[in-house]
Amino acid sequence: MGIFKSSCKVNTKENEIMSQEKLNVVNSRIKVFSQAAPELFVGFKKITDQATKTGVFDSASKELIATAIAVATGCEDCVYYHVAGARRYGATEAQLLEVLEIAVEMGGGPAVIYGSKALEFFKET
């Protein structure tokens, strides 16, 4: 049984659809907020662009770091957003698992729950 669903079995295609729908909801919320507060998001976009551009760490690594922080702080929507970003930049499941181990070390029990969600979402997308 996964963290995101009831005990009923769901096939892989349905998992992918459910995961994509969750990410769509997150993106939709961000879009509504950005339209309501456009000047805030001009600044936030600059921060995001700077934070995720390749430097000493590549973009996938930076998204993995953000995922670990999201897991450790218990931000479910952030988990979806940054797992999707890490995957988009080419992160592997092995890399995700390694950062989830760090997140659990730093976040304790709640990080186990959100780490499980991050791994499940990665596998479903």
PDB file of N, CA and C in Angstrom:
ATOM      1  N   MET A   1       0.843  -1.179   0.000  1.00  0.00           N
ATOM      2  CA  MET A   1       0.000   0.000   0.000  1.00  0.00           C
ATOM      3  C   MET A   1       0.880   1.231   0.000  1.00  0.00           C
ATOM      4  N   GLY A   2       0.601   2.180  -0.871  1.00  0.00           N
ATOM      5  CA  GLY A   2       1.379   3.394  -0.955  1.00  0.00           C
ATOM      6  C   GLY A   2       0.868   4.484  -0.031  1.00  0.00           C
ATOM      7  N   ILE A   3       1.670   5.466   0.170  1.00  0.00           N
ATOM      8  CA  ILE A   3       1.322   6.596   1.019  1.00  0.00           C
ATOM      9  C   ILE A   3       0.199   7.422   0.395  1.00  0.00           C
ATOM     10  N   PHE A   4       0.157   7.522  -0.935  1.00  0.00           N
ATOM     11  CA  PHE A   4      -0.789   8.393  -1.603  1.00  0.00           C
ATOM     12  C   PHE A   4      -2.159   7.786  -1.832  1.00  0.00           C
ATOM     13  N   LYS A   5      -2.318   6.513  -1.643  1.00  0.00           N
ATOM     14  CA  LYS A   5      -3.584   5.902  -2.025  1.00  0.00           C
ATOM     15  C   LYS A   5      -4.044   4.902  -0.983  1.00  0.00           C
ATOM     16  N   SER A   6      -5.259   4.461  -1.141  1.00  0.00           N
ATOM     17  CA  SER A   6      -5.810   3.475  -0.216  1.00  0.00           C
ATOM     18  C   SER A   6      -5.165   2.123  -0.468  1.00  0.00           C
ATOM     19  N   SER A   7      -5.633   1.129   0.247  1.00  0.00           N
ATOM     20  CA  SER A   7      -5.026  -0.190   0.141  1.00  0.00           C
ATOM     21  C   SER A   7      -5.349  -0.904  -1.164  1.00  0.00           C
ATOM     22  N   CYS A   8      -6.235  -0.353  -1.987  1.00  0.00           N
ATOM     23  CA  CYS A   8      -6.551  -1.024  -3.248  1.00  0.00           C
ATOM     24  C   CYS A   8      -5.366  -0.910  -4.202  1.00  0.00           C
ATOM     25  N   LYS A   9      -5.192  -1.923  -5.012  1.00  0.00           N
ATOM     26  CA  LYS A   9      -4.103  -1.924  -5.983  1.00  0.00           C
ATOM     27  C   LYS A   9      -4.460  -1.001  -7.143  1.00  0.00           C
ATOM     28  N   VAL A  10      -3.497  -0.226  -7.584  1.00  0.00           N
ATOM     29  CA  VAL A  10      -3.679   0.681  -8.705  1.00  0.00           C
ATOM     30  C   VAL A  10      -2.591   0.364  -9.710  1.00  0.00           C
ATOM     31  N   ASN A  11      -2.977   0.252 -10.992  1.00  0.00           N
ATOM     32  CA  ASN A  11      -1.953  -0.110 -11.974  1.00  0.00           C
ATOM     33  C   ASN A  11      -1.015   1.066 -12.252  1.00  0.00           C
ATOM     34  N   THR A  12       0.105   0.760 -12.873  1.00  0.00           N
ATOM     35  CA  THR A  12       1.154   1.745 -13.090  1.00  0.00           C
ATOM     36  C   THR A  12       0.654   2.945 -13.889  1.00  0.00           C
ATOM     37  N   LYS A  13      -0.117   2.717 -14.927  1.00  0.00           N
ATOM     38  CA  LYS A  13      -0.635   3.824 -15.738  1.00  0.00           C
ATOM     39  C   LYS A  13      -1.522   4.726 -14.893  1.00  0.00           C
ATOM     40  N   GLU A  14      -2.355   4.129 -14.051  1.00  0.00           N
ATOM     41  CA  GLU A  14      -3.198   4.928 -13.157  1.00  0.00           C
ATOM     42  C   GLU A  14      -2.336   5.710 -12.170  1.00  0.00           C
ATOM     43  N   ASN A  15      -1.255   5.107 -11.677  1.00  0.00           N
ATOM     44  CA  ASN A  15      -0.336   5.805 -10.777  1.00  0.00           C
ATOM     45  C   ASN A  15       0.266   7.021 -11.470  1.00  0.00           C
ATOM     46  N   GLU A  16       0.681   6.845 -12.716  1.00  0.00           N
ATOM     47  CA  GLU A  16       1.259   7.961 -13.471  1.00  0.00           C
ATOM     48  C   GLU A  16       0.249   9.082 -13.626  1.00  0.00           C
ATOM     49  N   ILE A  17      -0.990   8.729 -13.915  1.00  0.00           N
ATOM     50  CA  ILE A  17      -2.041   9.737 -14.085  1.00  0.00           C
ATOM     51  C   ILE A  17      -2.296  10.448 -12.759  1.00  0.00           C
ATOM     52  N   MET A  18      -2.398   9.689 -11.680  1.00  0.00           N
ATOM     53  CA  MET A  18      -2.630  10.288 -10.360  1.00  0.00           C
ATOM     54  C   MET A  18      -1.492  11.224  -9.987  1.00  0.00           C
ATOM     55  N   SER A  19      -0.262  10.805 -10.238  1.00  0.00           N
ATOM     56  CA  SER A  19       0.899  11.631  -9.915  1.00  0.00           C
ATOM     57  C   SER A  19       0.918  12.896 -10.750  1.00  0.00           C
ATOM     58  N   GLN A  20       0.628  12.770 -12.029  1.00  0.00           N
ATOM     59  CA  GLN A  20       0.603  13.947 -12.888  1.00  0.00           C
ATOM     60  C   GLN A  20      -0.504  14.898 -12.458  1.00  0.00           C
ATOM     61  N   GLU A  21      -1.645  14.361 -12.041  1.00  0.00           N
ATOM     62  CA  GLU A  21      -2.729  15.212 -11.556  1.00  0.00           C
ATOM     63  C   GLU A  21      -2.305  15.979 -10.305  1.00  0.00           C
ATOM     64  N   LYS A  22      -1.574  15.326  -9.404  1.00  0.00           N
ATOM     65  CA  LYS A  22      -1.084  15.997  -8.195  1.00  0.00           C
ATOM     66  C   LYS A  22      -0.148  17.145  -8.570  1.00  0.00           C
ATOM     67  N   LEU A  23       0.759  16.884  -9.497  1.00  0.00           N
ATOM     68  CA  LEU A  23       1.674  17.927  -9.937  1.00  0.00           C
ATOM     69  C   LEU A  23       0.908  19.053 -10.630  1.00  0.00           C
ATOM     70  N   ASN A  24      -0.100  18.714 -11.415  1.00  0.00           N
ATOM     71  CA  ASN A  24      -0.919  19.732 -12.069  1.00  0.00           C
ATOM     72  C   ASN A  24      -1.624  20.620 -11.044  1.00  0.00           C
ATOM     73  N   VAL A  25      -2.110  20.023  -9.956  1.00  0.00           N
ATOM     74  CA  VAL A  25      -2.756  20.798  -8.893  1.00  0.00           C
ATOM     75  C   VAL A  25      -1.753  21.766  -8.278  1.00  0.00           C
ATOM     76  N   VAL A  26      -0.552  21.284  -7.982  1.00  0.00           N
ATOM     77  CA  VAL A  26       0.492  22.150  -7.413  1.00  0.00           C
ATOM     78  C   VAL A  26       0.778  23.308  -8.365  1.00  0.00           C
ATOM     79  N   ASN A  27       1.000  22.990  -9.630  1.00  0.00           N
ATOM     80  CA  ASN A  27       1.309  24.031 -10.612  1.00  0.00           C
ATOM     81  C   ASN A  27       0.155  25.010 -10.777  1.00  0.00           C
ATOM     82  N   SER A  28      -1.078  24.505 -10.699  1.00  0.00           N
ATOM     83  CA  SER A  28      -2.251  25.364 -10.806  1.00  0.00           C
ATOM     84  C   SER A  28      -2.329  26.329  -9.628  1.00  0.00           C
ATOM     85  N   ARG A  29      -2.045  25.830  -8.426  1.00  0.00           N
ATOM     86  CA  ARG A  29      -2.045  26.700  -7.244  1.00  0.00           C
ATOM     87  C   ARG A  29      -0.997  27.805  -7.383  1.00  0.00           C
ATOM     88  N   ILE A  30       0.175  27.419  -7.856  1.00  0.00           N
ATOM     89  CA  ILE A  30       1.250  28.403  -8.037  1.00  0.00           C
ATOM     90  C   ILE A  30       0.834  29.443  -9.067  1.00  0.00           C
ATOM     91  N   LYS A  31       0.211  29.006 -10.147  1.00  0.00           N
ATOM     92  CA  LYS A  31      -0.220  29.925 -11.204  1.00  0.00           C
ATOM     93  C   LYS A  31      -1.237  30.937 -10.666  1.00  0.00           C
ATOM     94  N   VAL A  32      -2.217  30.456  -9.904  1.00  0.00           N
ATOM     95  CA  VAL A  32      -3.227  31.353  -9.339  1.00  0.00           C
ATOM     96  C   VAL A  32      -2.568  32.376  -8.420  1.00  0.00           C
ATOM     97  N   PHE A  33      -1.672  31.909  -7.561  1.00  0.00           N
ATOM     98  CA  PHE A  33      -0.977  32.810  -6.635  1.00  0.00           C
ATOM     99  C   PHE A  33      -0.124  33.809  -7.398  1.00  0.00           C
ATOM    100  N   SER A  34       0.573  33.345  -8.436  1.00  0.00           N
ATOM    101  CA  SER A  34       1.442  34.250  -9.194  1.00  0.00           C
ATOM    102  C   SER A  34       0.637  35.306  -9.938  1.00  0.00           C
ATOM    103  N   GLN A  35      -0.569  34.958 -10.364  1.00  0.00           N
ATOM    104  CA  GLN A  35      -1.430  35.942 -11.030  1.00  0.00           C
ATOM    105  C   GLN A  35      -1.994  36.950 -10.029  1.00  0.00           C
ATOM    106  N   ALA A  36      -2.205  36.501  -8.799  1.00  0.00           N
ATOM    107  CA  ALA A  36      -2.737  37.388  -7.762  1.00  0.00           C
ATOM    108  C   ALA A  36      -1.655  38.313  -7.201  1.00  0.00           C
ATOM    109  N   ALA A  37      -0.410  37.860  -7.242  1.00  0.00           N
ATOM    110  CA  ALA A  37       0.698  38.655  -6.695  1.00  0.00           C
ATOM    111  C   ALA A  37       1.865  38.661  -7.685  1.00  0.00           C
ATOM    112  N   PRO A  38       1.662  39.277  -8.852  1.00  0.00           N
ATOM    113  CA  PRO A  38       2.678  39.178  -9.909  1.00  0.00           C
ATOM    114  C   PRO A  38       4.035  39.769  -9.533  1.00  0.00           C
ATOM    115  N   GLU A  39       4.066  40.855  -8.796  1.00  0.00           N
ATOM    116  CA  GLU A  39       5.357  41.462  -8.453  1.00  0.00           C
ATOM    117  C   GLU A  39       6.154  40.570  -7.509  1.00  0.00           C
ATOM    118  N   LEU A  40       5.467  39.910  -6.608  1.00  0.00           N
ATOM    119  CA  LEU A  40       6.134  38.960  -5.725  1.00  0.00           C
ATOM    120  C   LEU A  40       6.797  37.862  -6.548  1.00  0.00           C
ATOM    121  N   PHE A  41       6.082  37.374  -7.544  1.00  0.00           N
ATOM    122  CA  PHE A  41       6.601  36.258  -8.330  1.00  0.00           C
ATOM    123  C   PHE A  41       7.678  36.661  -9.318  1.00  0.00           C
ATOM    124  N   VAL A  42       7.750  37.927  -9.683  1.00  0.00           N
ATOM    125  CA  VAL A  42       8.888  38.394 -10.482  1.00  0.00           C
ATOM    126  C   VAL A  42      10.160  38.186  -9.659  1.00  0.00           C
ATOM    127  N   GLY A  43      10.110  38.597  -8.404  1.00  0.00           N
ATOM    128  CA  GLY A  43      11.264  38.397  -7.525  1.00  0.00           C
ATOM    129  C   GLY A  43      11.524  36.935  -7.229  1.00  0.00           C
ATOM    130  N   PHE A  44      10.453  36.180  -6.983  1.00  0.00           N
ATOM    131  CA  PHE A  44      10.615  34.768  -6.670  1.00  0.00           C
ATOM    132  C   PHE A  44      11.199  34.007  -7.857  1.00  0.00           C
ATOM    133  N   LYS A  45      10.801  34.372  -9.065  1.00  0.00           N
ATOM    134  CA  LYS A  45      11.350  33.717 -10.261  1.00  0.00           C
ATOM    135  C   LYS A  45      12.845  33.967 -10.363  1.00  0.00           C
ATOM    136  N   LYS A  46      13.293  35.165 -10.034  1.00  0.00           N
ATOM    137  CA  LYS A  46      14.730  35.454 -10.050  1.00  0.00           C
ATOM    138  C   LYS A  46      15.468  34.564  -9.053  1.00  0.00           C
ATOM    139  N   ILE A  47      14.891  34.417  -7.864  1.00  0.00           N
ATOM    140  CA  ILE A  47      15.494  33.545  -6.857  1.00  0.00           C
ATOM    141  C   ILE A  47      15.554  32.114  -7.371  1.00  0.00           C
ATOM    142  N   THR A  48      14.439  31.638  -7.910  1.00  0.00           N
ATOM    143  CA  THR A  48      14.363  30.264  -8.413  1.00  0.00           C
ATOM    144  C   THR A  48      15.351  30.037  -9.552  1.00  0.00           C
ATOM    145  N   ASP A  49      15.403  30.982 -10.488  1.00  0.00           N
ATOM    146  CA  ASP A  49      16.338  30.841 -11.616  1.00  0.00           C
ATOM    147  C   ASP A  49      17.784  30.774 -11.129  1.00  0.00           C
ATOM    148  N   GLN A  50      18.130  31.631 -10.185  1.00  0.00           N
ATOM    149  CA  GLN A  50      19.486  31.635  -9.649  1.00  0.00           C
ATOM    150  C   GLN A  50      19.771  30.338  -8.889  1.00  0.00           C
ATOM    151  N   ALA A  51      18.818  29.907  -8.093  1.00  0.00           N
ATOM    152  CA  ALA A  51      19.023  28.737  -7.241  1.00  0.00           C
ATOM    153  C   ALA A  51      19.139  27.441  -8.042  1.00  0.00           C
ATOM    154  N   THR A  52      18.485  27.372  -9.187  1.00  0.00           N
ATOM    155  CA  THR A  52      18.469  26.103  -9.923  1.00  0.00           C
ATOM    156  C   THR A  52      19.411  26.056 -11.122  1.00  0.00           C
ATOM    157  N   LYS A  53      20.049  27.170 -11.459  1.00  0.00           N
ATOM    158  CA  LYS A  53      20.950  27.119 -12.610  1.00  0.00           C
ATOM    159  C   LYS A  53      22.208  26.319 -12.262  1.00  0.00           C
ATOM    160  N   THR A  54      22.782  25.729 -13.275  1.00  0.00           N
ATOM    161  CA  THR A  54      23.985  24.932 -13.085  1.00  0.00           C
ATOM    162  C   THR A  54      25.130  25.815 -12.618  1.00  0.00           C
ATOM    163  N   GLY A  55      25.796  25.335 -11.599  1.00  0.00           N
ATOM    164  CA  GLY A  55      26.977  25.993 -11.052  1.00  0.00           C
ATOM    165  C   GLY A  55      27.918  24.889 -10.613  1.00  0.00           C
ATOM    166  N   VAL A  56      28.363  24.931  -9.368  1.00  0.00           N
ATOM    167  CA  VAL A  56      29.171  23.840  -8.824  1.00  0.00           C
ATOM    168  C   VAL A  56      28.336  22.561  -8.815  1.00  0.00           C
ATOM    169  N   PHE A  57      27.049  22.716  -8.471  1.00  0.00           N
ATOM    170  CA  PHE A  57      26.106  21.602  -8.559  1.00  0.00           C
ATOM    171  C   PHE A  57      25.308  21.755  -9.837  1.00  0.00           C
ATOM    172  N   ASP A  58      24.993  20.628 -10.481  1.00  0.00           N
ATOM    173  CA  ASP A  58      24.124  20.710 -11.656  1.00  0.00           C
ATOM    174  C   ASP A  58      22.681  20.899 -11.198  1.00  0.00           C
ATOM    175  N   SER A  59      21.801  21.202 -12.149  1.00  0.00           N
ATOM    176  CA  SER A  59      20.408  21.498 -11.823  1.00  0.00           C
ATOM    177  C   SER A  59      19.705  20.312 -11.186  1.00  0.00           C
ATOM    178  N   ALA A  60      19.996  19.093 -11.624  1.00  0.00           N
ATOM    179  CA  ALA A  60      19.375  17.909 -11.026  1.00  0.00           C
ATOM    180  C   ALA A  60      19.758  17.796  -9.553  1.00  0.00           C
ATOM    181  N   SER A  61      21.026  18.025  -9.246  1.00  0.00           N
ATOM    182  CA  SER A  61      21.481  17.955  -7.854  1.00  0.00           C
ATOM    183  C   SER A  61      20.800  19.018  -7.000  1.00  0.00           C
ATOM    184  N   LYS A  62      20.642  20.201  -7.560  1.00  0.00           N
ATOM    185  CA  LYS A  62      19.982  21.267  -6.814  1.00  0.00           C
ATOM    186  C   LYS A  62      18.525  20.925  -6.537  1.00  0.00           C
ATOM    187  N   GLU A  63      17.857  20.323  -7.512  1.00  0.00           N
ATOM    188  CA  GLU A  63      16.462  19.903  -7.288  1.00  0.00           C
ATOM    189  C   GLU A  63      16.392  18.774  -6.261  1.00  0.00           C
ATOM    190  N   LEU A  64      17.382  17.902  -6.262  1.00  0.00           N
ATOM    191  CA  LEU A  64      17.427  16.844  -5.249  1.00  0.00           C
ATOM    192  C   LEU A  64      17.628  17.429  -3.854  1.00  0.00           C
ATOM    193  N   ILE A  65      18.469  18.438  -3.745  1.00  0.00           N
ATOM    194  CA  ILE A  65      18.666  19.114  -2.459  1.00  0.00           C
ATOM    195  C   ILE A  65      17.345  19.744  -1.999  1.00  0.00           C
ATOM    196  N   ALA A  66      16.665  20.395  -2.931  1.00  0.00           N
ATOM    197  CA  ALA A  66      15.367  21.004  -2.600  1.00  0.00           C
ATOM    198  C   ALA A  66      14.364  19.929  -2.174  1.00  0.00           C
ATOM    199  N   THR A  67      14.422  18.768  -2.823  1.00  0.00           N
ATOM    200  CA  THR A  67      13.542  17.660  -2.434  1.00  0.00           C
ATOM    201  C   THR A  67      13.838  17.233  -1.006  1.00  0.00           C
ATOM    202  N   ALA A  68      15.110  17.104  -0.666  1.00  0.00           N
ATOM    203  CA  ALA A  68      15.489  16.704   0.693  1.00  0.00           C
ATOM    204  C   ALA A  68      14.984  17.717   1.716  1.00  0.00           C
ATOM    205  N   ILE A  69      15.090  18.985   1.405  1.00  0.00           N
ATOM    206  CA  ILE A  69      14.592  20.019   2.317  1.00  0.00           C
ATOM    207  C   ILE A  69      13.074  19.918   2.436  1.00  0.00           C
ATOM    208  N   ALA A  70      12.392  19.713   1.307  1.00  0.00           N
ATOM    209  CA  ALA A  70      10.931  19.569   1.336  1.00  0.00           C
ATOM    210  C   ALA A  70      10.510  18.379   2.188  1.00  0.00           C
ATOM    211  N   VAL A  71      11.234  17.277   2.057  1.00  0.00           N
ATOM    212  CA  VAL A  71      10.943  16.085   2.851  1.00  0.00           C
ATOM    213  C   VAL A  71      11.179  16.372   4.332  1.00  0.00           C
ATOM    214  N   ALA A  72      12.306  16.974   4.657  1.00  0.00           N
ATOM    215  CA  ALA A  72      12.657  17.232   6.059  1.00  0.00           C
ATOM    216  C   ALA A  72      11.712  18.232   6.717  1.00  0.00           C
ATOM    217  N   THR A  73      11.163  19.158   5.931  1.00  0.00           N
ATOM    218  CA  THR A  73      10.264  20.167   6.494  1.00  0.00           C
ATOM    219  C   THR A  73       8.796  19.793   6.359  1.00  0.00           C
ATOM    220  N   GLY A  74       8.506  18.710   5.637  1.00  0.00           N
ATOM    221  CA  GLY A  74       7.126  18.240   5.514  1.00  0.00           C
ATOM    222  C   GLY A  74       6.262  19.065   4.584  1.00  0.00           C
ATOM    223  N   CYS A  75       6.816  19.517   3.491  1.00  0.00           N
ATOM    224  CA  CYS A  75       6.050  20.286   2.500  1.00  0.00           C
ATOM    225  C   CYS A  75       5.683  19.371   1.341  1.00  0.00           C
ATOM    226  N   GLU A  76       4.485  18.795   1.404  1.00  0.00           N
ATOM    227  CA  GLU A  76       4.077  17.798   0.417  1.00  0.00           C
ATOM    228  C   GLU A  76       4.076  18.343  -1.007  1.00  0.00           C
ATOM    229  N   ASP A  77       3.489  19.516  -1.217  1.00  0.00           N
ATOM    230  CA  ASP A  77       3.471  20.080  -2.568  1.00  0.00           C
ATOM    231  C   ASP A  77       4.885  20.366  -3.057  1.00  0.00           C
ATOM    232  N   CYS A  78       5.772  20.784  -2.146  1.00  0.00           N
ATOM    233  CA  CYS A  78       7.167  21.016  -2.514  1.00  0.00           C
ATOM    234  C   CYS A  78       7.837  19.713  -2.947  1.00  0.00           C
ATOM    235  N   VAL A  79       7.481  18.621  -2.269  1.00  0.00           N
ATOM    236  CA  VAL A  79       8.017  17.305  -2.651  1.00  0.00           C
ATOM    237  C   VAL A  79       7.654  17.017  -4.097  1.00  0.00           C
ATOM    238  N   TYR A  80       6.373  17.161  -4.441  1.00  0.00           N
ATOM    239  CA  TYR A  80       5.946  16.882  -5.821  1.00  0.00           C
ATOM    240  C   TYR A  80       6.701  17.764  -6.805  1.00  0.00           C
ATOM    241  N   TYR A  81       6.751  19.053  -6.506  1.00  0.00           N
ATOM    242  CA  TYR A  81       7.354  20.029  -7.408  1.00  0.00           C
ATOM    243  C   TYR A  81       8.831  19.730  -7.646  1.00  0.00           C
ATOM    244  N   HIS A  82       9.574  19.471  -6.579  1.00  0.00           N
ATOM    245  CA  HIS A  82      11.023  19.299  -6.725  1.00  0.00           C
ATOM    246  C   HIS A  82      11.408  17.902  -7.203  1.00  0.00           C
ATOM    247  N   VAL A  83      10.613  16.882  -6.886  1.00  0.00           N
ATOM    248  CA  VAL A  83      10.861  15.558  -7.478  1.00  0.00           C
ATOM    249  C   VAL A  83      10.679  15.652  -8.992  1.00  0.00           C
ATOM    250  N   ALA A  84       9.628  16.331  -9.415  1.00  0.00           N
ATOM    251  CA  ALA A  84       9.408  16.494 -10.859  1.00  0.00           C
ATOM    252  C   ALA A  84      10.568  17.266 -11.492  1.00  0.00           C
ATOM    253  N   GLY A  85      11.049  18.293 -10.815  1.00  0.00           N
ATOM    254  CA  GLY A  85      12.195  19.049 -11.332  1.00  0.00           C
ATOM    255  C   GLY A  85      13.447  18.205 -11.406  1.00  0.00           C
ATOM    256  N   ALA A  86      13.693  17.420 -10.365  1.00  0.00           N
ATOM    257  CA  ALA A  86      14.874  16.549 -10.369  1.00  0.00           C
ATOM    258  C   ALA A  86      14.805  15.556 -11.514  1.00  0.00           C
ATOM    259  N   ARG A  87      13.639  14.968 -11.717  1.00  0.00           N
ATOM    260  CA  ARG A  87      13.461  14.013 -12.819  1.00  0.00           C
ATOM    261  C   ARG A  87      13.660  14.717 -14.164  1.00  0.00           C
ATOM    262  N   ARG A  88      13.094  15.927 -14.291  1.00  0.00           N
ATOM    263  CA  ARG A  88      13.209  16.682 -15.546  1.00  0.00           C
ATOM    264  C   ARG A  88      14.676  16.951 -15.896  1.00  0.00           C
ATOM    265  N   TYR A  89      15.508  17.195 -14.882  1.00  0.00           N
ATOM    266  CA  TYR A  89      16.925  17.468 -15.118  1.00  0.00           C
ATOM    267  C   TYR A  89      17.770  16.201 -15.159  1.00  0.00           C
ATOM    268  N   GLY A  90      17.131  15.022 -15.073  1.00  0.00           N
ATOM    269  CA  GLY A  90      17.864  13.778 -15.273  1.00  0.00           C
ATOM    270  C   GLY A  90      18.302  13.044 -14.014  1.00  0.00           C
ATOM    271  N   ALA A  91      17.787  13.409 -12.859  1.00  0.00           N
ATOM    272  CA  ALA A  91      18.146  12.697 -11.630  1.00  0.00           C
ATOM    273  C   ALA A  91      17.675  11.250 -11.705  1.00  0.00           C
ATOM    274  N   THR A  92      18.420  10.381 -11.066  1.00  0.00           N
ATOM    275  CA  THR A  92      18.069   8.966 -11.045  1.00  0.00           C
ATOM    276  C   THR A  92      17.394   8.612  -9.725  1.00  0.00           C
ATOM    277  N   GLU A  93      16.744   7.475  -9.713  1.00  0.00           N
ATOM    278  CA  GLU A  93      16.131   6.998  -8.478  1.00  0.00           C
ATOM    279  C   GLU A  93      17.193   6.768  -7.405  1.00  0.00           C
ATOM    280  N   ALA A  94      18.353   6.265  -7.798  1.00  0.00           N
ATOM    281  CA  ALA A  94      19.440   6.043  -6.832  1.00  0.00           C
ATOM    282  C   ALA A  94      19.872   7.361  -6.184  1.00  0.00           C
ATOM    283  N   GLN A  95      19.952   8.424  -6.970  1.00  0.00           N
ATOM    284  CA  GLN A  95      20.307   9.734  -6.421  1.00  0.00           C
ATOM    285  C   GLN A  95      19.225  10.220  -5.460  1.00  0.00           C
ATOM    286  N   LEU A  96      17.974  10.039  -5.858  1.00  0.00           N
ATOM    287  CA  LEU A  96      16.871  10.437  -4.985  1.00  0.00           C
ATOM    288  C   LEU A  96      16.944   9.692  -3.664  1.00  0.00           C
ATOM    289  N   LEU A  97      17.164   8.401  -3.715  1.00  0.00           N
ATOM    290  CA  LEU A  97      17.240   7.616  -2.483  1.00  0.00           C
ATOM    291  C   LEU A  97      18.361   8.112  -1.573  1.00  0.00           C
ATOM    292  N   GLU A  98      19.473   8.496  -2.159  1.00  0.00           N
ATOM    293  CA  GLU A  98      20.588   8.976  -1.349  1.00  0.00           C
ATOM    294  C   GLU A  98      20.240  10.282  -0.633  1.00  0.00           C
ATOM    295  N   VAL A  99      19.586  11.211  -1.328  1.00  0.00           N
ATOM    296  CA  VAL A  99      19.208  12.451  -0.648  1.00  0.00           C
ATOM    297  C   VAL A  99      18.073  12.220   0.341  1.00  0.00           C
ATOM    298  N   LEU A 100      17.216  11.236   0.078  1.00  0.00           N
ATOM    299  CA  LEU A 100      16.155  10.926   1.036  1.00  0.00           C
ATOM    300  C   LEU A 100      16.746  10.381   2.336  1.00  0.00           C
ATOM    301  N   GLU A 101      17.842   9.637   2.225  1.00  0.00           N
ATOM    302  CA  GLU A 101      18.513   9.155   3.437  1.00  0.00           C
ATOM    303  C   GLU A 101      19.003  10.326   4.286  1.00  0.00           C
ATOM    304  N   ILE A 102      19.541  11.347   3.637  1.00  0.00           N
ATOM    305  CA  ILE A 102      20.004  12.541   4.357  1.00  0.00           C
ATOM    306  C   ILE A 102      18.809  13.266   4.969  1.00  0.00           C
ATOM    307  N   ALA A 103      17.722  13.373   4.220  1.00  0.00           N
ATOM    308  CA  ALA A 103      16.530  14.050   4.728  1.00  0.00           C
ATOM    309  C   ALA A 103      15.986  13.348   5.961  1.00  0.00           C
ATOM    310  N   VAL A 104      15.983  12.025   5.950  1.00  0.00           N
ATOM    311  CA  VAL A 104      15.504  11.269   7.108  1.00  0.00           C
ATOM    312  C   VAL A 104      16.441  11.475   8.294  1.00  0.00           C
ATOM    313  N   GLU A 105      17.728  11.484   8.030  1.00  0.00           N
ATOM    314  CA  GLU A 105      18.689  11.740   9.110  1.00  0.00           C
ATOM    315  C   GLU A 105      18.392  13.086   9.775  1.00  0.00           C
ATOM    316  N   MET A 106      18.098  14.086   8.973  1.00  0.00           N
ATOM    317  CA  MET A 106      17.888  15.425   9.498  1.00  0.00           C
ATOM    318  C   MET A 106      16.461  15.667   9.980  1.00  0.00           C
ATOM    319  N   GLY A 107      15.500  14.945   9.411  1.00  0.00           N
ATOM    320  CA  GLY A 107      14.094  15.223   9.716  1.00  0.00           C
ATOM    321  C   GLY A 107      13.404  14.209  10.595  1.00  0.00           C
ATOM    322  N   GLY A 108      14.037  13.084  10.874  1.00  0.00           N
ATOM    323  CA  GLY A 108      13.449  12.077  11.747  1.00  0.00           C
ATOM    324  C   GLY A 108      12.211  11.419  11.161  1.00  0.00           C
ATOM    325  N   GLY A 109      11.298  11.017  12.047  1.00  0.00           N
ATOM    326  CA  GLY A 109      10.105  10.269  11.658  1.00  0.00           C
ATOM    327  C   GLY A 109       9.260  10.917  10.578  1.00  0.00           C
ATOM    328  N   PRO A 110       8.916  12.218  10.705  1.00  0.00           N
ATOM    329  CA  PRO A 110       8.126  12.831   9.636  1.00  0.00           C
ATOM    330  C   PRO A 110       8.811  12.767   8.275  1.00  0.00           C
ATOM    331  N   ALA A 111      10.130  12.818   8.271  1.00  0.00           N
ATOM    332  CA  ALA A 111      10.856  12.741   7.003  1.00  0.00           C
ATOM    333  C   ALA A 111      10.717  11.358   6.380  1.00  0.00           C
ATOM    334  N   VAL A 112      10.545  10.334   7.203  1.00  0.00           N
ATOM    335  CA  VAL A 112      10.302   8.988   6.661  1.00  0.00           C
ATOM    336  C   VAL A 112       9.012   8.995   5.852  1.00  0.00           C
ATOM    337  N   ILE A 113       7.974   9.617   6.388  1.00  0.00           N
ATOM    338  CA  ILE A 113       6.689   9.679   5.698  1.00  0.00           C
ATOM    339  C   ILE A 113       6.811  10.459   4.393  1.00  0.00           C
ATOM    340  N   TYR A 114       7.397  11.647   4.441  1.00  0.00           N
ATOM    341  CA  TYR A 114       7.519  12.454   3.230  1.00  0.00           C
ATOM    342  C   TYR A 114       8.548  11.875   2.267  1.00  0.00           C
ATOM    343  N   GLY A 115       9.568  11.198   2.779  1.00  0.00           N
ATOM    344  CA  GLY A 115      10.515  10.504   1.906  1.00  0.00           C
ATOM    345  C   GLY A 115       9.833   9.393   1.146  1.00  0.00           C
ATOM    346  N   SER A 116       8.931   8.673   1.824  1.00  0.00           N
ATOM    347  CA  SER A 116       8.157   7.622   1.155  1.00  0.00           C
ATOM    348  C   SER A 116       7.301   8.217   0.050  1.00  0.00           C
ATOM    349  N   LYS A 117       6.720   9.370   0.317  1.00  0.00           N
ATOM    350  CA  LYS A 117       5.909  10.045  -0.700  1.00  0.00           C
ATOM    351  C   LYS A 117       6.773  10.462  -1.890  1.00  0.00           C
ATOM    352  N   ALA A 118       7.952  11.000  -1.621  1.00  0.00           N
ATOM    353  CA  ALA A 118       8.845  11.434  -2.703  1.00  0.00           C
ATOM    354  C   ALA A 118       9.244  10.261  -3.583  1.00  0.00           C
ATOM    355  N   LEU A 119       9.587   9.137  -2.968  1.00  0.00           N
ATOM    356  CA  LEU A 119       9.987   7.966  -3.739  1.00  0.00           C
ATOM    357  C   LEU A 119       8.816   7.440  -4.546  1.00  0.00           C
ATOM    358  N   GLU A 120       7.656   7.359  -3.938  1.00  0.00           N
ATOM    359  CA  GLU A 120       6.490   6.868  -4.668  1.00  0.00           C
ATOM    360  C   GLU A 120       6.165   7.776  -5.847  1.00  0.00           C
ATOM    361  N   PHE A 121       6.203   9.095  -5.627  1.00  0.00           N
ATOM    362  CA  PHE A 121       5.922  10.036  -6.712  1.00  0.00           C
ATOM    363  C   PHE A 121       6.943   9.891  -7.831  1.00  0.00           C
ATOM    364  N   PHE A 122       8.218   9.733  -7.488  1.00  0.00           N
ATOM    365  CA  PHE A 122       9.262   9.554  -8.497  1.00  0.00           C
ATOM    366  C   PHE A 122       8.957   8.326  -9.348  1.00  0.00           C
ATOM    367  N   LYS A 123       8.574   7.239  -8.703  1.00  0.00           N
ATOM    368  CA  LYS A 123       8.305   5.996  -9.422  1.00  0.00           C
ATOM    369  C   LYS A 123       7.051   6.085 -10.282  1.00  0.00           C
ATOM    370  N   GLU A 124       6.106   6.938  -9.882  1.00  0.00           N
ATOM    371  CA  GLU A 124       4.834   7.045 -10.598  1.00  0.00           C
ATOM    372  C   GLU A 124       4.894   7.994 -11.768  1.00  0.00           C
ATOM    373  N   THR A 125       5.914   8.844 -11.837  1.00  0.00           N
ATOM    374  CA  THR A 125       5.953   9.835 -12.917  1.00  0.00           C
ATOM    375  C   THR A 125       6.926   9.429 -13.989  1.00  0.00           C
TER     376      THR A 125
END
